[in-house]
Amino acid sequence: MLSPFFGHFSSFPPPSLLPLPLSLMTTEKKLVPQMGKVDVLLTHSPPRGVLDRCWSGHRVGSRPLLAGLRRLKPKFCVFGHIHEDYGVKVEEVSGTVCINAASCTILGAARHEPIVFDISKSTKAAT
């Protein structure tokens, strides 16, 4: 699982900790290292601007994750964390199908059905 990490907070720090020292900030290359071909990128947090709107209406996704997603161009990126923006959306630049599979409300009550998707095996031989 790849996720930005700030102290013991995942994805983004609480406003009381801003601004953070540069030593705690995550770079895109650290967050999403070069991995070759990736079919499914599983993260805790969403990329910035993709199914990342929280209860206040602010976008809280990760900018470094978005940059890594656009570089790797996986078929799917699956995450949760932002319970309020459940659903499926294609990230326009990478063409990646992004899935916010958070099935509970922010208070932990079951609200959404699980998201099920299939990945077909490539029949193309490696050259």
Foldseek 3Di string as FASTA:
>chain_A
DFFQDAPPDTQDDPPVCPPDDPVRGDALCRRQPDDDAAAEAEYAFAAFPPLQQAPVRDRRGHPSVVVNCLVRLHQEYEYENRLVRADWDQDPNSRHIYGHQNQAHPVRHGDHDGDDDDDDDDPDDDD
